[in-house]
Each structure stands twice: as C-alpha cells, then as structure tokens.
C-alpha cells in the first residue's frame, strides 16, 4: 500500500491504464490511509467509501473496455467541501450547511467524473473559505502533516493536507486570495490557481464571485497540468467562463527556460518576510537562472494597497453571496423563534462562525449608503491600478517570482487570536486574484524547524504555458 501512496497521480494512472494495478486497489489503499491517519490530521469532512468503491469498479470496467482514455482515469481524488457534489454532503465547513446534500454537481467535479476520477470525499476548509489556516471550520481545525502542531494554511487546508499526508492522489481547492497556493506552500505540495475564467465556477458555493477560481493541489507540477487539463473549459452555465479552445496543459512540461525572463519584485523582500523564506525563494531564482532564464529585480507598485482593496471587495461580495443562507430553504434553522425576523436573526447568528460574521458585517458596511463611494468604489479603483501594474510588469517579464507567504506555517491558535495578522499573511497572493492572473506554488525548501517553504510563480492572463514550463523546469532542476 505504501507504494500506492507514494506515486504521483499520473504514475498511478499509468499503472491502472496498463493493467499493472486496478482502481479498486488504489482506492482501497487510500481509504485505508484515511482510516489510519485522518483522526490525527482531520483533512476530511465527509469520506464516501461506498461511492468511491463503486466508482473505482466502474472505472476499471471502462478502462479495460477501452472507453476511458484520461491519464487520471481510476485515480482517487479529494474535493474541497465548497464544490457541490450530487447526493453527497456539501457543508462549506459551516454549521449553517451541516445537512445540505445538493441535487446537482459542480462543473469541475462533473468533468473529473467524466475523466474516470474516483472521488474519495470532501475536504475540510475554513468556513465558507474565509480564513487562511483552516481553523475557522465548524468541524474543527485541520493539522499540518509536516508538523501537527502547525496549521496547514487555508482555506483549502484540508485538500493540501490530504495530498501531503497521502490521503488522496491529488485534490481540488478554490482560491479567492491565495487559498490554493498558500496551503500548498505550508504543506510542501504544488498548488495551481488558473487564470480567472479558465475553470467554471458553476456549483462552487461563492465567497467572492469576482475572485474565486478552482484549481488543483498535487504532488508535482506534472499532476497539476494533468488535473487542470481535466477540469478546464468553457461552461455556458457560468457567465464568467472564458470561451477558449480546450488545451492539453501537459504538453507545456518542457525543461527549457532559455527564452523566459523572470522578474523579482523588490517590494516583496521588505520588512516582515522571514529570512529563511527569503533565502529559499532567492535560491529558487538562482536555480532558474542557472537553467538559462534571465532573472532581474524590479519595482512592482501598489503592493501595500492590495490587502485593504482585497478585503473590502471580498467582504462586500461575501455579504451579498451569503444572504441566501437564511434558515428557510435549506441548511440550519434555529429551534426556538417567535417571528420570521427573529428566525432569520437567530438562524444566521447560530449558523455562522465568528470570522464569517466579521466579513459579512464588514461587507455590509462598505456597501451601505454613505460609505459605498468611500470604501467599495475606491477599492475597485485600486483593483484596476493593480491590474495595470501587473500589465506593465508583464510587458517586460514572462514570469514574476516571489514568496507565497511571509513565514512558514504558524502554530495552531496563533492566527485566530489576531485576525489582522492572519489577513497580512496573504500579502503576496491576493493581488493575483484582484488581477485575475494564474499563479503556482512549488516547494522550494524547508525551514530549520522542518516546515515547508514554497516559491510563487506568476504569469500573465492565459499564459499557463509559460507558467507550467517554468515551474516544471524549476522542479526538475532544483
């Protein structure tokens, strides 16, 4: 079984396709791994053993009949618990959706099923994706497999920890302000956020609709490219889905960066960046330079304005998106109430956690009469300026390289006591979502305490080809 858990998703898929192993054997191995270790790490909210074994048997039949050709056919995957899965509990790790079983499925999950993937279950997350540590979950915190006393990052911490702990071959997460890349960095795995609009958001329970994007968390860059190939594509049910020709992203996995120009923002290496993180990230730049890339530093403006702009916009969109959870149509409803208004108030007060309430109140405030122009409208203007700053940078550079987070994974409990500090932990990731850019986190080192460190690579919109080629080259040469 240990051999199964050590294989990349593509390696596992090749063995299943070649008949050297069955999907049932792979799925059995991962389900046993979940039984053995998930009590320690709390990566999953729901494990669907019966559904996974049924899907594995079907995948084996289809593969043997030659009807399933996907390189990920029969490979077990985990899904973040904010993506709707038909007839399978979908909670967003919130009490208010503790019993919600969707009657439909998100497009990304449907595409994986069509490719023959085996869904093991739904992973833990920060409640409604609001947090950076996976500690705001109603179902308790997830722990970092590198050191269980530390957080795995968030909000896709359950997915990242499951990949790192060998509880799935790969996983899907969602990224609103760094929620794929940051936990990937903290857990020592690869996290890819595609260009906004590349993967359909249909069936993704929204946090910030203009910022959310689904992407894979994997063991290596090759798996990330294969997973993105499986889930990307236009969807008429998502008005923000971009109508582009389907691509095989694995064809960009070439070990060649001689035509790539890499820019390193000086602004990213100021106060607040841990020296060990800075050294590892600069080491990654040296690897690319030695592989033939041109590397130079430059000034990227407006970095300090990204956090206030992001949290203003994200909270505003959250306050609008979460108004549907009222205790009437589905989910949690308070047991005692004396009027309709009282039921709304008590259901939402009891159903939402502290961080979600904080962001709903902030969002309602910045959208209110008298404050809309002062805060929300100004944040939208800053967002446009940030996008222009990146446009200027990408007129000179193919790739921007920097840290994923200012530090390695903090200890459990540290961030919850200081929400502002938690927000500042996203300083290097959130501007990517504001600009709709693709980004990837790749492991680049380990701290003296044994905690993983990731390097972040960014590319211009729809330039995943350059992004994956550079990330793959780094991974192969490091």
Protein backbone atom coordinates (compact mmCIF):
# COMPACT_ATOMS: atom_id res chain seq x y z
CA UNK A 1 0.00 0.00 0.00
CA UNK A 2 2.84 2.40 0.79
CA UNK A 3 3.96 2.24 -2.86
CA UNK A 4 0.49 3.36 -3.98
CA UNK A 5 0.56 6.33 -1.60
CA UNK A 6 3.98 7.45 -2.84
CA UNK A 7 3.05 7.53 -6.51
CA UNK A 8 2.11 10.71 -8.30
CA UNK A 9 -1.39 10.82 -9.79
CA UNK A 10 -0.02 10.34 -13.30
CA UNK A 11 2.14 7.40 -12.24
CA UNK A 12 -0.87 5.79 -10.64
CA UNK A 13 -2.97 6.48 -13.73
CA UNK A 14 -0.36 4.90 -16.00
CA UNK A 15 -0.24 1.72 -13.91
CA UNK A 16 -4.03 1.47 -13.82
CA UNK A 17 -4.23 2.05 -17.58
CA UNK A 18 -1.56 -0.57 -18.25
CA UNK A 19 -3.34 -3.16 -16.10
CA UNK A 20 -0.49 -3.33 -13.58
CA UNK A 21 -2.90 -2.20 -10.88
CA UNK A 22 -6.63 -1.66 -10.58
CA UNK A 23 -8.51 1.44 -9.49
CA UNK A 24 -10.11 -0.70 -6.78
CA UNK A 25 -6.65 -1.48 -5.36
CA UNK A 26 -5.62 2.18 -5.45
CA UNK A 27 -8.89 3.32 -3.89
CA UNK A 28 -8.70 0.68 -1.18
CA UNK A 29 -5.19 1.85 -0.33
CA UNK A 30 -6.22 5.48 0.01
CA UNK A 31 -9.32 4.68 2.03
CA UNK A 32 -7.14 2.69 4.42
CA UNK A 33 -4.74 5.63 4.65
CA UNK A 34 -7.66 7.89 5.59
CA UNK A 35 -8.73 5.44 8.29
CA UNK A 36 -5.18 5.29 9.63
CA UNK A 37 -4.32 8.98 9.72
CA UNK A 38 -7.30 11.29 9.35
CA UNK A 39 -8.14 11.22 13.04
CA UNK A 40 -4.76 12.89 13.52
CA UNK A 41 -4.97 15.43 10.67
CA UNK A 42 -8.74 16.00 10.19
CA UNK A 43 -8.42 16.51 6.43
CA UNK A 44 -11.93 15.31 5.57
CA UNK A 45 -15.42 16.44 6.48
CA UNK A 46 -17.01 13.54 4.59
CA UNK A 47 -15.50 10.27 3.36
CA UNK A 48 -17.62 8.44 0.77
CA UNK A 49 -16.26 4.89 0.98
CA UNK A 50 -19.25 3.26 -0.70
CA UNK A 51 -19.37 5.79 -3.53
CA UNK A 52 -15.60 5.64 -4.05
CA UNK A 53 -15.50 1.84 -4.31
CA UNK A 54 -18.45 1.86 -6.72
CA UNK A 55 -16.73 4.48 -8.90
CA UNK A 56 -13.45 2.52 -8.81
CA UNK A 57 -15.15 -0.66 -10.04
CA UNK A 58 -16.85 1.29 -12.83
CA UNK A 59 -13.55 2.93 -13.79
CA UNK A 60 -11.81 -0.46 -14.02
CA UNK A 61 -14.57 -1.78 -16.29
CA UNK A 62 -14.43 1.28 -18.57
CA UNK A 63 -10.62 1.28 -18.74
CA UNK A 64 -10.49 -2.40 -19.62
CA UNK A 65 -13.12 -1.82 -22.32
CA UNK A 66 -11.00 0.99 -23.78
CA UNK A 67 -13.64 3.65 -23.20
CA UNK A 68 -11.69 5.70 -20.66
CA UNK A 69 -8.51 7.32 -22.01
CA UNK A 70 -7.83 10.08 -19.47
CA UNK A 71 -4.42 9.84 -17.77
CA UNK A 72 -6.24 10.32 -14.46
CA UNK A 73 -8.83 7.59 -15.03
CA UNK A 74 -9.29 5.48 -11.92
CA UNK A 75 -7.13 7.78 -9.77
CA UNK A 76 -8.57 8.75 -6.32
CA UNK A 77 -9.14 12.47 -5.74
CA UNK A 78 -10.46 14.64 -2.88
CA UNK A 79 -12.79 17.63 -3.35
CA UNK A 80 -12.89 20.80 -1.24
CA UNK A 81 -16.19 20.96 0.58
CA UNK A 82 -17.43 24.12 -1.16
CA UNK A 83 -17.96 22.35 -4.50
CA UNK A 84 -21.39 20.82 -4.88
CA UNK A 85 -21.40 17.03 -5.24
CA UNK A 86 -24.67 15.40 -6.20
CA UNK A 87 -26.17 13.32 -3.37
CA UNK A 88 -23.06 13.90 -1.21
CA UNK A 89 -22.93 16.24 1.77
CA UNK A 90 -21.57 19.71 0.93
CA UNK A 91 -21.16 21.93 4.00
CA UNK A 92 -18.56 24.66 3.31
CA UNK A 93 -17.39 23.54 6.79
CA UNK A 94 -20.23 25.59 8.27
CA UNK A 95 -22.96 24.75 10.73
CA UNK A 96 -25.46 26.56 8.54
CA UNK A 97 -24.98 23.90 5.81
CA UNK A 98 -24.38 20.96 8.15
CA UNK A 99 -27.08 18.85 6.41
CA UNK A 100 -27.02 20.20 2.83
CA UNK A 101 -26.98 17.45 0.18
CA UNK A 102 -27.02 19.02 -3.33
CA UNK A 103 -29.19 17.67 -6.12
CA UNK A 104 -26.69 18.87 -8.73
CA UNK A 105 -22.93 18.87 -9.20
CA UNK A 106 -20.28 21.48 -9.88
CA UNK A 107 -18.84 21.53 -13.40
CA UNK A 108 -15.30 20.83 -12.19
CA UNK A 109 -16.42 17.72 -10.30
CA UNK A 110 -18.52 16.56 -13.26
CA UNK A 111 -15.51 16.87 -15.55
CA UNK A 112 -13.43 14.75 -13.17
CA UNK A 113 -16.14 12.10 -13.07
CA UNK A 114 -16.25 12.09 -16.89
CA UNK A 115 -12.49 11.53 -16.87
CA UNK A 116 -12.97 8.50 -14.63
CA UNK A 117 -11.66 10.00 -11.40
CA UNK A 118 -12.68 8.35 -8.13
CA UNK A 119 -13.94 10.83 -5.53
CA UNK A 120 -12.91 9.80 -2.03
CA UNK A 121 -14.77 12.55 -0.18
CA UNK A 122 -14.95 16.23 0.75
CA UNK A 123 -12.11 18.03 2.49
CA UNK A 124 -12.14 20.39 5.44
CA UNK A 125 -11.76 24.13 4.88
CA UNK A 126 -12.11 27.49 6.55
CA UNK A 127 -15.82 28.19 6.90
CA UNK A 128 -17.10 29.48 3.53
CA UNK A 129 -13.42 29.80 2.54
CA UNK A 130 -12.98 32.72 4.96
CA UNK A 131 -9.64 32.26 6.64
CA UNK A 132 -6.01 31.38 5.99
CA UNK A 133 -5.48 28.48 8.39
CA UNK A 134 -8.43 26.01 8.18
CA UNK A 135 -9.13 26.77 11.82
CA UNK A 136 -12.49 28.51 11.30
CA UNK A 137 -14.14 25.23 10.26
CA UNK A 138 -17.23 24.15 12.22
CA UNK A 139 -15.75 20.64 12.16
CA UNK A 140 -12.51 21.59 13.88
CA UNK A 141 -9.07 22.54 12.54
CA UNK A 142 -7.00 20.55 10.10
CA UNK A 143 -3.39 19.89 11.15
CA UNK A 144 -0.28 20.18 9.01
CA UNK A 145 1.23 16.76 8.16
CA UNK A 146 4.71 18.32 8.30
CA UNK A 147 4.09 19.19 11.97
CA UNK A 148 0.63 18.60 13.53
CA UNK A 149 1.17 21.48 15.95
CA UNK A 150 1.02 23.87 12.99
CA UNK A 151 -1.78 24.92 10.63
CA UNK A 152 -1.93 23.62 7.04
CA UNK A 153 -2.88 27.04 5.69
CA UNK A 154 -6.24 27.89 4.19
CA UNK A 155 -8.84 27.99 3.10
CA UNK A 156 -8.05 24.81 1.10
CA UNK A 157 -6.05 23.41 4.02
CA UNK A 158 -7.92 20.11 4.07
CA UNK A 159 -7.12 19.46 0.40
CA UNK A 160 -3.43 20.41 0.78
CA UNK A 161 -3.02 18.36 3.96
CA UNK A 162 -4.76 15.36 2.39
CA UNK A 163 -2.30 15.38 -0.53
CA UNK A 164 0.69 15.85 1.80
CA UNK A 165 -0.50 13.12 4.20
CA UNK A 166 -1.08 10.56 1.44
CA UNK A 167 -4.84 10.57 1.90
CA UNK A 168 -5.53 11.21 -1.80
CA UNK A 169 -3.51 11.25 -5.01
CA UNK A 170 -4.49 14.86 -5.73
CA UNK A 171 -7.24 17.28 -4.74
CA UNK A 172 -9.28 20.24 -5.88
CA UNK A 173 -9.25 23.51 -3.97
CA UNK A 174 -10.55 27.02 -4.58
CA UNK A 175 -8.51 30.20 -4.50
CA UNK A 176 -10.08 33.58 -3.62
CA UNK A 177 -6.99 35.33 -2.27
CA UNK A 178 -4.35 32.61 -2.14
CA UNK A 179 -6.36 29.70 -0.76
CA UNK A 180 -4.74 27.11 -3.03
CA UNK A 181 -1.19 28.47 -3.18
CA UNK A 182 -0.70 29.33 0.49
CA UNK A 183 -1.74 25.94 1.95
CA UNK A 184 0.28 24.21 -0.79
CA UNK A 185 3.31 26.19 0.37
CA UNK A 186 2.70 25.40 4.05
CA UNK A 187 2.23 21.68 3.35
CA UNK A 188 5.05 21.20 0.84
CA UNK A 189 2.93 20.36 -2.23
CA UNK A 190 2.10 22.07 -5.54
CA UNK A 191 -0.92 24.40 -5.80
CA UNK A 192 -2.10 25.91 -9.10
CA UNK A 193 -4.53 28.81 -9.42
CA UNK A 194 -5.54 29.17 -13.09
CA UNK A 195 -6.45 32.41 -14.85
CA UNK A 196 -9.88 33.63 -13.76
CA UNK A 197 -12.47 32.11 -16.08
CA UNK A 198 -10.40 29.08 -17.09
CA UNK A 199 -12.33 26.68 -14.83
CA UNK A 200 -16.08 27.01 -14.47
CA UNK A 201 -17.36 28.25 -11.11
CA UNK A 202 -20.76 26.61 -11.64
CA UNK A 203 -21.53 24.64 -8.49
CA UNK A 204 -18.82 26.35 -6.44
CA UNK A 205 -20.50 27.92 -3.42
CA UNK A 206 -19.43 31.52 -3.79
CA UNK A 207 -17.35 33.62 -1.41
CA UNK A 208 -16.13 36.45 -3.68
CA UNK A 209 -17.54 35.85 -7.16
CA UNK A 210 -15.08 38.13 -8.99
CA UNK A 211 -12.12 36.48 -7.25
CA UNK A 212 -12.93 32.75 -6.77
CA UNK A 213 -11.22 30.20 -9.00
CA UNK A 214 -11.00 26.40 -8.76
CA UNK A 215 -7.63 24.70 -9.20
CA UNK A 216 -5.66 21.54 -8.36
CA UNK A 217 -3.39 20.70 -5.43
CA UNK A 218 -0.93 17.96 -6.34
CA UNK A 219 2.39 16.33 -5.53
CA UNK A 220 4.20 17.71 -8.55
CA UNK A 221 3.81 20.10 -11.47
CA UNK A 222 3.02 17.33 -13.97
CA UNK A 223 0.00 16.25 -11.92
CA UNK A 224 -1.16 19.88 -11.71
CA UNK A 225 -1.03 20.21 -15.50
CA UNK A 226 -2.95 16.96 -15.97
CA UNK A 227 -5.62 17.93 -13.42
CA UNK A 228 -6.04 21.38 -14.99
CA UNK A 229 -6.48 19.73 -18.39
CA UNK A 230 -9.29 17.62 -16.93
CA UNK A 231 -11.26 20.47 -15.29
CA UNK A 232 -10.67 23.46 -17.62
CA UNK A 233 -13.04 24.51 -20.37
CA UNK A 234 -15.92 26.79 -21.25
CA UNK A 235 -19.24 26.33 -19.46
CA UNK A 236 -22.39 28.14 -20.63
CA UNK A 237 -23.75 27.93 -17.06
CA UNK A 238 -21.00 30.27 -15.80
CA UNK A 239 -21.14 33.74 -17.36
CA UNK A 240 -17.51 34.39 -16.34
CA UNK A 241 -16.24 31.22 -18.02
CA UNK A 242 -14.00 32.14 -20.94
CA UNK A 243 -14.77 30.52 -24.29
CA UNK A 244 -11.38 29.18 -25.37
CA UNK A 245 -10.29 26.04 -27.19
CA UNK A 246 -9.58 23.11 -24.87
CA UNK A 247 -5.90 22.57 -24.17
CA UNK A 248 -3.69 19.74 -23.04
CA UNK A 249 -1.61 21.57 -20.44
CA UNK A 250 0.78 18.63 -20.06
CA UNK A 251 2.33 19.47 -23.45
CA UNK A 252 3.95 22.52 -21.83
CA UNK A 253 6.02 20.41 -19.44
CA UNK A 254 9.33 21.11 -21.13
CA UNK A 255 12.60 21.60 -19.30
CA UNK A 256 13.53 24.78 -21.15
CA UNK A 257 13.51 28.36 -19.85
CA UNK A 258 16.19 29.90 -22.06
CA UNK A 259 13.61 32.29 -23.58
CA UNK A 260 11.98 33.12 -20.21
CA UNK A 261 12.58 36.45 -18.48
CA UNK A 262 11.89 36.37 -14.74
CA UNK A 263 11.18 39.47 -12.68
CA UNK A 264 11.56 39.57 -8.89
CA UNK A 265 9.66 42.41 -7.17
CA UNK A 266 11.89 44.23 -4.67
CA UNK A 267 8.72 45.17 -2.81
CA UNK A 268 8.24 41.51 -1.82
CA UNK A 269 11.50 41.36 0.12
CA UNK A 270 10.97 44.11 2.66
CA UNK A 271 10.10 44.06 6.35
CA UNK A 272 8.01 41.16 7.58
CA UNK A 273 9.48 38.49 5.32
CA UNK A 274 11.09 35.66 7.27
CA UNK A 275 14.83 35.38 6.40
CA UNK A 276 14.57 31.62 5.82
CA UNK A 277 11.69 32.14 3.39
CA UNK A 278 13.60 34.92 1.58
CA UNK A 279 16.70 32.72 1.24
CA UNK A 280 14.73 29.76 -0.14
CA UNK A 281 12.87 31.92 -2.65
CA UNK A 282 16.07 33.59 -3.86
CA UNK A 283 17.57 30.11 -4.13
CA UNK A 284 14.72 29.15 -6.46
CA UNK A 285 15.50 32.18 -8.61
CA UNK A 286 19.14 31.05 -8.80
CA UNK A 287 18.03 27.61 -9.99
CA UNK A 288 16.08 29.17 -12.87
CA UNK A 289 18.98 31.48 -13.67
CA UNK A 290 21.36 28.53 -13.85
CA UNK A 291 18.84 26.75 -16.11
CA UNK A 292 19.10 29.62 -18.61
CA UNK A 293 16.38 32.07 -17.62
CA UNK A 294 17.07 35.80 -17.42
CA UNK A 295 16.47 36.98 -13.86
CA UNK A 296 16.36 40.56 -12.61
CA UNK A 297 14.74 42.64 -9.89
CA UNK A 298 12.19 45.39 -10.46
CA UNK A 299 9.71 47.56 -8.57
CA UNK A 300 6.08 46.42 -8.51
CA UNK A 301 3.96 49.25 -7.15
CA UNK A 302 0.79 49.16 -5.07
CA UNK A 303 1.68 46.02 -3.09
CA UNK A 304 0.76 47.70 0.20
CA UNK A 305 -2.70 48.61 -1.12
CA UNK A 306 -3.62 45.07 -2.12
CA UNK A 307 -4.79 43.86 1.29
CA UNK A 308 -7.26 46.69 2.06
CA UNK A 309 -8.59 46.60 -1.50
CA UNK A 310 -8.99 42.82 -1.43
CA UNK A 311 -10.73 42.59 1.92
CA UNK A 312 -13.09 45.42 1.01
CA UNK A 313 -14.11 43.78 -2.28
CA UNK A 314 -14.18 40.21 -0.96
CA UNK A 315 -16.23 41.13 2.11
CA UNK A 316 -18.69 43.12 0.00
CA UNK A 317 -19.23 40.20 -2.34
CA UNK A 318 -19.46 37.77 0.59
CA UNK A 319 -22.17 39.81 2.30
CA UNK A 320 -24.21 39.58 -0.91
CA UNK A 321 -23.47 35.90 -1.65
CA UNK A 322 -24.23 34.70 1.88
CA UNK A 323 -27.59 36.42 2.24
CA UNK A 324 -29.24 33.31 0.73
CA UNK A 325 -28.45 31.28 3.86
CA UNK A 326 -31.46 32.26 5.93
CA UNK A 327 -32.74 29.06 7.56
CA UNK A 328 -35.77 28.88 5.26
CA UNK A 329 -34.87 26.95 2.13
CA UNK A 330 -32.17 24.54 3.35
CA UNK A 331 -29.49 24.11 5.99
CA UNK A 332 -29.58 25.01 9.65
CA UNK A 333 -32.65 26.56 11.28
CA UNK A 334 -32.81 27.66 14.92
CA UNK A 335 -35.15 25.60 17.07
CA UNK A 336 -36.74 28.44 19.04
CA UNK A 337 -38.05 31.67 17.49
CA UNK A 338 -41.08 33.92 17.87
CA UNK A 339 -41.29 35.63 14.46
CA UNK A 340 -39.95 35.39 10.92
CA UNK A 341 -37.41 38.16 11.52
CA UNK A 342 -36.34 36.54 14.79
CA UNK A 343 -35.86 33.20 13.00
CA UNK A 344 -33.64 34.80 10.35
CA UNK A 345 -31.57 36.53 13.00
CA UNK A 346 -31.15 33.51 15.28
CA UNK A 347 -30.51 31.02 12.46
CA UNK A 348 -27.75 33.16 10.97
CA UNK A 349 -26.30 34.08 14.37
CA UNK A 350 -26.11 30.43 15.42
CA UNK A 351 -25.23 29.04 11.99
CA UNK A 352 -22.31 31.29 11.03
CA UNK A 353 -18.95 31.37 12.81
CA UNK A 354 -17.15 34.45 14.10
CA UNK A 355 -14.94 35.05 11.03
CA UNK A 356 -17.85 34.75 8.60
CA UNK A 357 -19.91 37.19 10.69
CA UNK A 358 -17.00 39.62 10.76
CA UNK A 359 -16.72 39.64 6.97
CA UNK A 360 -20.47 39.86 6.39
CA UNK A 361 -20.64 42.89 8.68
CA UNK A 362 -17.63 44.50 7.02
CA UNK A 363 -19.10 43.87 3.58
CA UNK A 364 -22.50 45.25 4.55
CA UNK A 365 -20.81 48.34 5.95
CA UNK A 366 -18.73 49.15 2.86
CA UNK A 367 -21.78 48.71 0.62
CA UNK A 368 -24.06 50.85 2.79
CA UNK A 369 -25.31 54.28 1.84
CA UNK A 370 -22.73 56.93 2.59
CA UNK A 371 -19.78 54.51 2.61
CA UNK A 372 -20.04 52.88 -0.82
CA UNK A 373 -18.04 55.62 -2.55
CA UNK A 374 -15.54 55.98 0.30
CA UNK A 375 -14.63 52.30 0.50
CA UNK A 376 -16.04 49.91 -2.09
CA UNK A 377 -15.76 52.18 -5.12
CA UNK A 378 -12.26 53.23 -4.08
CA UNK A 379 -11.26 49.57 -3.69
CA UNK A 380 -12.45 48.85 -7.23
CA UNK A 381 -10.27 51.72 -8.50
CA UNK A 382 -7.26 50.29 -6.64
CA UNK A 383 -8.03 46.88 -8.16
CA UNK A 384 -7.83 48.45 -11.64
CA UNK A 385 -4.50 50.11 -10.76
CA UNK A 386 -3.10 46.79 -9.50
CA UNK A 387 -4.10 45.12 -12.77
CA UNK A 388 -2.36 47.90 -14.70
CA UNK A 389 0.80 47.49 -12.60
CA UNK A 390 0.87 43.80 -13.50
CA UNK A 391 0.19 44.58 -17.16
CA UNK A 392 3.22 46.87 -17.14
CA UNK A 393 5.33 44.20 -15.44
CA UNK A 394 4.31 41.51 -17.93
CA UNK A 395 5.23 43.77 -20.83
CA UNK A 396 8.82 43.25 -19.64
CA UNK A 397 8.78 39.84 -17.96
CA UNK A 398 7.32 36.43 -18.73
CA UNK A 399 7.24 35.29 -15.10
CA UNK A 400 7.14 37.08 -11.75
CA UNK A 401 8.81 35.18 -8.91
CA UNK A 402 8.36 35.75 -5.20
CA UNK A 403 7.32 34.25 -1.86
CA UNK A 404 3.93 32.65 -1.30
CA UNK A 405 3.67 33.77 2.33
CA UNK A 406 5.82 35.90 4.64
CA UNK A 407 6.51 33.00 7.02
CA UNK A 408 6.22 29.25 7.29
CA UNK A 409 3.05 27.75 8.78
CA UNK A 410 2.17 29.33 12.14
CA UNK A 411 1.21 27.26 15.15
CA UNK A 412 -2.41 26.35 15.73
CA UNK A 413 -4.23 29.14 17.55
CA UNK A 414 -1.78 31.93 16.78
CA UNK A 415 -3.70 33.44 13.85
CA UNK A 416 -7.16 33.24 15.40
CA UNK A 417 -6.06 35.49 18.25
CA UNK A 418 -5.04 38.22 15.78
CA UNK A 419 -7.23 38.37 12.62
CA UNK A 420 -5.28 41.32 11.18
CA UNK A 421 -2.08 39.27 11.31
CA UNK A 422 -3.91 36.45 9.52
CA UNK A 423 -5.00 38.89 6.79
CA UNK A 424 -1.43 40.15 6.37
CA UNK A 425 -0.32 36.58 5.70
CA UNK A 426 -1.99 36.88 2.27
CA UNK A 427 0.03 39.91 1.16
CA UNK A 428 1.83 38.09 -1.69
CA UNK A 429 -1.15 36.16 -3.02
CA UNK A 430 -4.24 38.38 -3.04
CA UNK A 431 -3.15 40.79 -5.77
CA UNK A 432 -3.06 37.81 -8.15
CA UNK A 433 -6.80 37.29 -7.63
CA UNK A 434 -7.53 41.00 -7.96
CA UNK A 435 -5.82 40.92 -11.36
CA UNK A 436 -7.24 37.52 -12.40
CA UNK A 437 -3.76 36.09 -13.05
CA UNK A 438 -2.56 32.48 -12.95
CA UNK A 439 -0.14 31.50 -10.20
CA UNK A 440 1.52 28.39 -8.87
CA UNK A 441 3.23 27.45 -5.61
CA UNK A 442 6.08 24.95 -5.85
CA UNK A 443 8.08 23.61 -2.86
CA UNK A 444 11.47 25.30 -2.70
CA UNK A 445 12.90 24.47 0.71
CA UNK A 446 12.42 23.67 4.37
CA UNK A 447 12.95 25.84 7.42
CA UNK A 448 15.30 24.90 10.25
CA UNK A 449 12.20 23.75 12.13
CA UNK A 450 11.33 21.35 9.30
CA UNK A 451 8.41 23.35 7.89
CA UNK A 452 7.93 23.55 4.09
CA UNK A 453 8.54 26.74 2.09
CA UNK A 454 7.06 27.45 -1.35
CA UNK A 455 8.04 29.76 -4.18
CA UNK A 456 5.28 31.53 -6.12
CA UNK A 457 5.46 31.93 -9.89
CA UNK A 458 3.02 34.23 -11.70
CA UNK A 459 2.26 34.73 -15.39
CA UNK A 460 0.05 36.99 -17.46
CA UNK A 461 -3.58 36.00 -18.09
CA UNK A 462 -3.95 32.74 -20.02
CA UNK A 463 -0.19 32.19 -20.08
CA UNK A 464 -0.34 28.91 -18.19
CA UNK A 465 2.00 27.53 -20.85
CA UNK A 466 4.90 29.70 -19.67
CA UNK A 467 3.90 29.25 -16.03
CA UNK A 468 3.87 25.45 -16.17
CA UNK A 469 7.05 25.27 -18.26
CA UNK A 470 8.92 27.46 -15.77
CA UNK A 471 7.54 25.62 -12.74
CA UNK A 472 8.38 22.25 -14.29
CA UNK A 473 11.90 23.33 -15.16
CA UNK A 474 12.47 24.55 -11.62
CA UNK A 475 11.10 21.33 -10.17
CA UNK A 476 13.36 19.21 -12.39
CA UNK A 477 16.49 21.29 -11.78
CA UNK A 478 16.30 22.09 -8.08
